[in-house]
Amino acid sequence: MDGLEQLVAGAGDQRAAASDARDRSLQRMGNLTILMQALNATQSNSAWSEKKPELMKHSLLAINQDLHDVAFWDEAAIVARGEATFTRALKVWPRG
């Protein structure tokens, strides 16, 4: 078995499925926000416990202020924020 075969997850591998789900959630609307380039660059891969205080200190945008009450940033938080953002968008841009 070569090195590449060792890196390929087998069918039903729960760790691989969890990793795939996490990767997909990172691309969801709930995980997006607007930041200055410098803040985004310094905080992009930081833990939520480090990222949140910096975000709250440097961003006054309403879209970020709802993050004050978020203790953990995980898939559930991303889904919840995405749903809230979508609901807010429907109020701002109502359907015809």
N, C-alpha and C. Protein backbone atom coordinates (compact mmCIF):
# COMPACT_ATOMS: atom_id res chain seq x y z
N MET A 1 0.85 -1.18 0.00
CA MET A 1 0.00 0.00 0.00
C MET A 1 0.90 1.24 0.00
N ASP A 2 0.67 2.15 -0.96
CA ASP A 2 1.49 3.36 -1.00
C ASP A 2 0.90 4.43 -0.08
N GLY A 3 1.59 5.53 0.10
CA GLY A 3 1.18 6.60 1.01
C GLY A 3 -0.18 7.18 0.68
N LEU A 4 -0.50 7.31 -0.61
CA LEU A 4 -1.78 7.88 -1.01
C LEU A 4 -2.94 6.99 -0.57
N GLU A 5 -2.82 5.70 -0.72
CA GLU A 5 -3.88 4.79 -0.31
C GLU A 5 -4.13 4.88 1.19
N GLN A 6 -3.11 5.14 1.96
CA GLN A 6 -3.26 5.26 3.40
C GLN A 6 -4.04 6.52 3.78
N LEU A 7 -4.04 7.53 2.92
CA LEU A 7 -4.72 8.79 3.22
C LEU A 7 -6.19 8.79 2.81
N VAL A 8 -6.61 7.84 2.02
CA VAL A 8 -7.98 7.77 1.55
C VAL A 8 -8.84 7.08 2.59
N ALA A 9 -9.91 7.76 3.03
CA ALA A 9 -10.80 7.19 4.04
C ALA A 9 -11.68 6.12 3.42
N GLY A 10 -11.93 5.09 4.18
CA GLY A 10 -12.81 4.03 3.74
C GLY A 10 -14.27 4.42 3.89
N ALA A 11 -15.13 3.71 3.18
CA ALA A 11 -16.57 3.96 3.29
C ALA A 11 -17.01 3.78 4.74
N GLY A 12 -17.80 4.70 5.22
CA GLY A 12 -18.30 4.61 6.59
C GLY A 12 -17.36 5.16 7.65
N ASP A 13 -16.25 5.73 7.26
CA ASP A 13 -15.30 6.30 8.22
C ASP A 13 -15.94 7.54 8.85
N GLN A 14 -16.30 7.46 10.12
CA GLN A 14 -17.01 8.55 10.79
C GLN A 14 -16.16 9.81 10.93
N ARG A 15 -14.86 9.64 11.11
CA ARG A 15 -14.00 10.83 11.21
C ARG A 15 -13.95 11.58 9.89
N ALA A 16 -13.89 10.84 8.79
CA ALA A 16 -13.87 11.47 7.48
C ALA A 16 -15.21 12.16 7.21
N ALA A 17 -16.30 11.53 7.58
CA ALA A 17 -17.62 12.13 7.38
C ALA A 17 -17.76 13.41 8.21
N ALA A 18 -17.28 13.40 9.44
CA ALA A 18 -17.34 14.59 10.30
C ALA A 18 -16.48 15.70 9.73
N SER A 19 -15.32 15.35 9.23
CA SER A 19 -14.43 16.35 8.62
C SER A 19 -15.06 16.95 7.37
N ASP A 20 -15.68 16.11 6.55
CA ASP A 20 -16.36 16.60 5.34
C ASP A 20 -17.51 17.54 5.71
N ALA A 21 -18.29 17.17 6.73
CA ALA A 21 -19.41 18.01 7.17
C ALA A 21 -18.90 19.36 7.66
N ARG A 22 -17.81 19.34 8.41
CA ARG A 22 -17.22 20.59 8.91
C ARG A 22 -16.75 21.45 7.75
N ASP A 23 -16.07 20.85 6.78
CA ASP A 23 -15.59 21.61 5.63
C ASP A 23 -16.75 22.24 4.86
N ARG A 24 -17.85 21.50 4.71
CA ARG A 24 -19.02 22.05 4.01
C ARG A 24 -19.65 23.19 4.79
N SER A 25 -19.70 23.07 6.12
CA SER A 25 -20.33 24.11 6.93
C SER A 25 -19.53 25.41 6.88
N LEU A 26 -18.23 25.31 6.68
CA LEU A 26 -17.40 26.51 6.61
C LEU A 26 -17.74 27.37 5.40
N GLN A 27 -18.36 26.78 4.38
CA GLN A 27 -18.73 27.50 3.17
C GLN A 27 -20.17 27.99 3.19
N ARG A 28 -20.86 27.85 4.30
CA ARG A 28 -22.26 28.26 4.40
C ARG A 28 -22.37 29.74 4.72
N MET A 29 -23.51 30.32 4.40
CA MET A 29 -23.76 31.74 4.62
C MET A 29 -23.57 32.13 6.08
N GLY A 30 -23.91 31.27 7.00
CA GLY A 30 -23.79 31.59 8.41
C GLY A 30 -22.36 31.77 8.88
N ASN A 31 -21.40 31.31 8.12
CA ASN A 31 -19.99 31.44 8.49
C ASN A 31 -19.32 32.64 7.81
N LEU A 32 -20.09 33.41 7.07
CA LEU A 32 -19.53 34.55 6.36
C LEU A 32 -19.77 35.84 7.13
N THR A 33 -18.85 36.76 7.02
CA THR A 33 -19.03 38.08 7.60
C THR A 33 -18.17 39.07 6.85
N ILE A 34 -18.23 40.32 7.24
CA ILE A 34 -17.47 41.37 6.61
C ILE A 34 -16.43 41.87 7.61
N LEU A 35 -15.18 41.79 7.22
CA LEU A 35 -14.08 42.23 8.07
C LEU A 35 -13.09 43.03 7.25
N MET A 36 -12.35 43.88 7.92
CA MET A 36 -11.23 44.55 7.27
C MET A 36 -10.21 43.46 6.93
N GLN A 37 -9.49 43.65 5.85
CA GLN A 37 -8.55 42.64 5.38
C GLN A 37 -7.52 42.27 6.44
N ALA A 38 -7.00 43.26 7.16
CA ALA A 38 -5.97 42.98 8.17
C ALA A 38 -6.53 42.11 9.30
N LEU A 39 -7.74 42.40 9.76
CA LEU A 39 -8.35 41.59 10.82
C LEU A 39 -8.63 40.18 10.32
N ASN A 40 -9.14 40.07 9.12
CA ASN A 40 -9.41 38.75 8.56
C ASN A 40 -8.13 37.92 8.45
N ALA A 41 -7.06 38.56 8.00
CA ALA A 41 -5.79 37.85 7.83
C ALA A 41 -5.23 37.36 9.16
N THR A 42 -5.34 38.17 10.20
CA THR A 42 -4.76 37.77 11.49
C THR A 42 -5.64 36.80 12.26
N GLN A 43 -6.93 36.79 12.00
CA GLN A 43 -7.85 35.96 12.79
C GLN A 43 -8.43 34.77 12.05
N SER A 44 -8.17 34.61 10.78
CA SER A 44 -8.88 33.64 9.95
C SER A 44 -8.88 32.22 10.50
N ASN A 45 -7.77 31.74 11.02
CA ASN A 45 -7.71 30.36 11.51
C ASN A 45 -7.57 30.27 13.02
N SER A 46 -7.84 31.37 13.71
CA SER A 46 -7.75 31.37 15.17
C SER A 46 -8.94 30.64 15.77
N ALA A 47 -8.76 30.20 17.00
CA ALA A 47 -9.86 29.59 17.74
C ALA A 47 -10.91 30.66 18.03
N TRP A 48 -12.17 30.25 18.17
CA TRP A 48 -13.26 31.18 18.42
C TRP A 48 -12.99 32.00 19.69
N SER A 49 -12.39 31.39 20.70
CA SER A 49 -12.12 32.10 21.95
C SER A 49 -11.14 33.26 21.74
N GLU A 50 -10.32 33.19 20.72
CA GLU A 50 -9.40 34.29 20.38
C GLU A 50 -10.01 35.23 19.35
N LYS A 51 -10.75 34.68 18.42
CA LYS A 51 -11.30 35.45 17.31
C LYS A 51 -12.44 36.37 17.76
N LYS A 52 -13.33 35.86 18.59
CA LYS A 52 -14.52 36.61 18.98
C LYS A 52 -14.19 37.95 19.64
N PRO A 53 -13.31 38.00 20.65
CA PRO A 53 -13.02 39.31 21.26
C PRO A 53 -12.47 40.34 20.25
N GLU A 54 -11.63 39.90 19.34
CA GLU A 54 -11.08 40.81 18.33
C GLU A 54 -12.17 41.28 17.38
N LEU A 55 -13.05 40.39 16.99
CA LEU A 55 -14.15 40.74 16.12
C LEU A 55 -15.07 41.75 16.79
N MET A 56 -15.39 41.53 18.06
CA MET A 56 -16.27 42.43 18.79
C MET A 56 -15.61 43.80 19.01
N LYS A 57 -14.31 43.80 19.18
CA LYS A 57 -13.58 45.05 19.43
C LYS A 57 -13.45 45.89 18.17
N HIS A 58 -13.32 45.24 17.01
CA HIS A 58 -12.99 45.97 15.79
C HIS A 58 -14.12 46.07 14.78
N SER A 59 -15.27 45.53 15.07
CA SER A 59 -16.37 45.59 14.10
C SER A 59 -17.64 46.11 14.75
N LEU A 60 -18.17 47.16 14.19
CA LEU A 60 -19.43 47.73 14.67
C LEU A 60 -20.60 47.38 13.76
N LEU A 61 -20.35 46.56 12.75
CA LEU A 61 -21.41 46.19 11.82
C LEU A 61 -22.49 45.37 12.52
N ALA A 62 -23.73 45.67 12.19
CA ALA A 62 -24.85 44.95 12.81
C ALA A 62 -24.77 43.44 12.56
N ILE A 63 -24.29 43.05 11.40
CA ILE A 63 -24.20 41.63 11.07
C ILE A 63 -23.26 40.88 12.02
N ASN A 64 -22.32 41.60 12.62
CA ASN A 64 -21.39 40.97 13.55
C ASN A 64 -21.82 41.10 15.01
N GLN A 65 -22.68 42.05 15.30
CA GLN A 65 -23.07 42.28 16.69
C GLN A 65 -23.90 41.13 17.27
N ASP A 66 -24.57 40.38 16.42
CA ASP A 66 -25.33 39.24 16.93
C ASP A 66 -24.42 38.11 17.42
N LEU A 67 -23.14 38.23 17.21
CA LEU A 67 -22.19 37.21 17.66
C LEU A 67 -21.80 37.37 19.13
N HIS A 68 -22.20 38.48 19.76
CA HIS A 68 -21.89 38.70 21.18
C HIS A 68 -22.33 37.52 22.04
N ASP A 69 -23.49 36.97 21.75
CA ASP A 69 -24.07 35.93 22.58
C ASP A 69 -23.68 34.51 22.17
N VAL A 70 -22.81 34.37 21.20
CA VAL A 70 -22.41 33.05 20.72
C VAL A 70 -21.17 32.58 21.48
N ALA A 71 -21.35 31.55 22.31
CA ALA A 71 -20.25 31.05 23.14
C ALA A 71 -19.34 30.10 22.37
N PHE A 72 -19.92 29.30 21.48
CA PHE A 72 -19.16 28.30 20.73
C PHE A 72 -19.45 28.47 19.24
N TRP A 73 -18.42 28.34 18.44
CA TRP A 73 -18.60 28.43 16.98
C TRP A 73 -18.41 27.04 16.41
N ASP A 74 -19.53 26.40 16.12
CA ASP A 74 -19.52 25.06 15.58
C ASP A 74 -20.56 24.96 14.47
N GLU A 75 -20.80 23.77 13.98
CA GLU A 75 -21.74 23.60 12.88
C GLU A 75 -23.13 24.11 13.25
N ALA A 76 -23.57 23.86 14.48
CA ALA A 76 -24.90 24.30 14.91
C ALA A 76 -24.99 25.83 14.93
N ALA A 77 -23.93 26.49 15.39
CA ALA A 77 -23.91 27.96 15.41
C ALA A 77 -23.92 28.52 14.00
N ILE A 78 -23.21 27.86 13.10
CA ILE A 78 -23.17 28.32 11.71
C ILE A 78 -24.55 28.20 11.07
N VAL A 79 -25.22 27.08 11.30
CA VAL A 79 -26.58 26.89 10.75
C VAL A 79 -27.53 27.93 11.33
N ALA A 80 -27.49 28.12 12.64
CA ALA A 80 -28.39 29.08 13.30
C ALA A 80 -28.16 30.49 12.76
N ARG A 81 -26.91 30.88 12.63
CA ARG A 81 -26.61 32.23 12.13
C ARG A 81 -27.03 32.36 10.67
N GLY A 82 -26.85 31.32 9.89
CA GLY A 82 -27.29 31.36 8.49
C GLY A 82 -28.79 31.55 8.38
N GLU A 83 -29.54 30.85 9.21
CA GLU A 83 -31.00 30.99 9.19
C GLU A 83 -31.41 32.39 9.63
N ALA A 84 -30.77 32.92 10.67
CA ALA A 84 -31.08 34.27 11.14
C ALA A 84 -30.73 35.31 10.08
N THR A 85 -29.60 35.13 9.41
CA THR A 85 -29.19 36.06 8.36
C THR A 85 -30.16 36.02 7.19
N PHE A 86 -30.61 34.82 6.83
CA PHE A 86 -31.58 34.69 5.75
C PHE A 86 -32.90 35.36 6.12
N THR A 87 -33.36 35.19 7.35
CA THR A 87 -34.59 35.83 7.80
C THR A 87 -34.45 37.35 7.76
N ARG A 88 -33.30 37.85 8.20
CA ARG A 88 -33.04 39.29 8.15
C ARG A 88 -33.03 39.78 6.71
N ALA A 89 -32.43 39.03 5.81
CA ALA A 89 -32.37 39.42 4.39
C ALA A 89 -33.77 39.48 3.79
N LEU A 90 -34.64 38.56 4.16
CA LEU A 90 -36.02 38.60 3.64
C LEU A 90 -36.77 39.85 4.09
N LYS A 91 -36.45 40.34 5.28
CA LYS A 91 -37.08 41.58 5.76
C LYS A 91 -36.55 42.79 5.01
N VAL A 92 -35.25 42.78 4.72
CA VAL A 92 -34.63 43.90 4.01
C VAL A 92 -35.05 43.89 2.54
N TRP A 93 -35.06 42.71 1.95
CA TRP A 93 -35.42 42.56 0.53
C TRP A 93 -36.61 41.61 0.41
N PRO A 94 -37.82 42.09 0.72
CA PRO A 94 -38.99 41.20 0.65
C PRO A 94 -39.25 40.70 -0.76
N ARG A 95 -39.79 39.49 -0.81
CA ARG A 95 -40.12 38.93 -2.12
C ARG A 95 -41.39 39.60 -2.64
N GLY A 96 -41.44 39.77 -3.98
CA GLY A 96 -42.51 40.49 -4.67
C GLY A 96 -43.83 39.94 -4.41
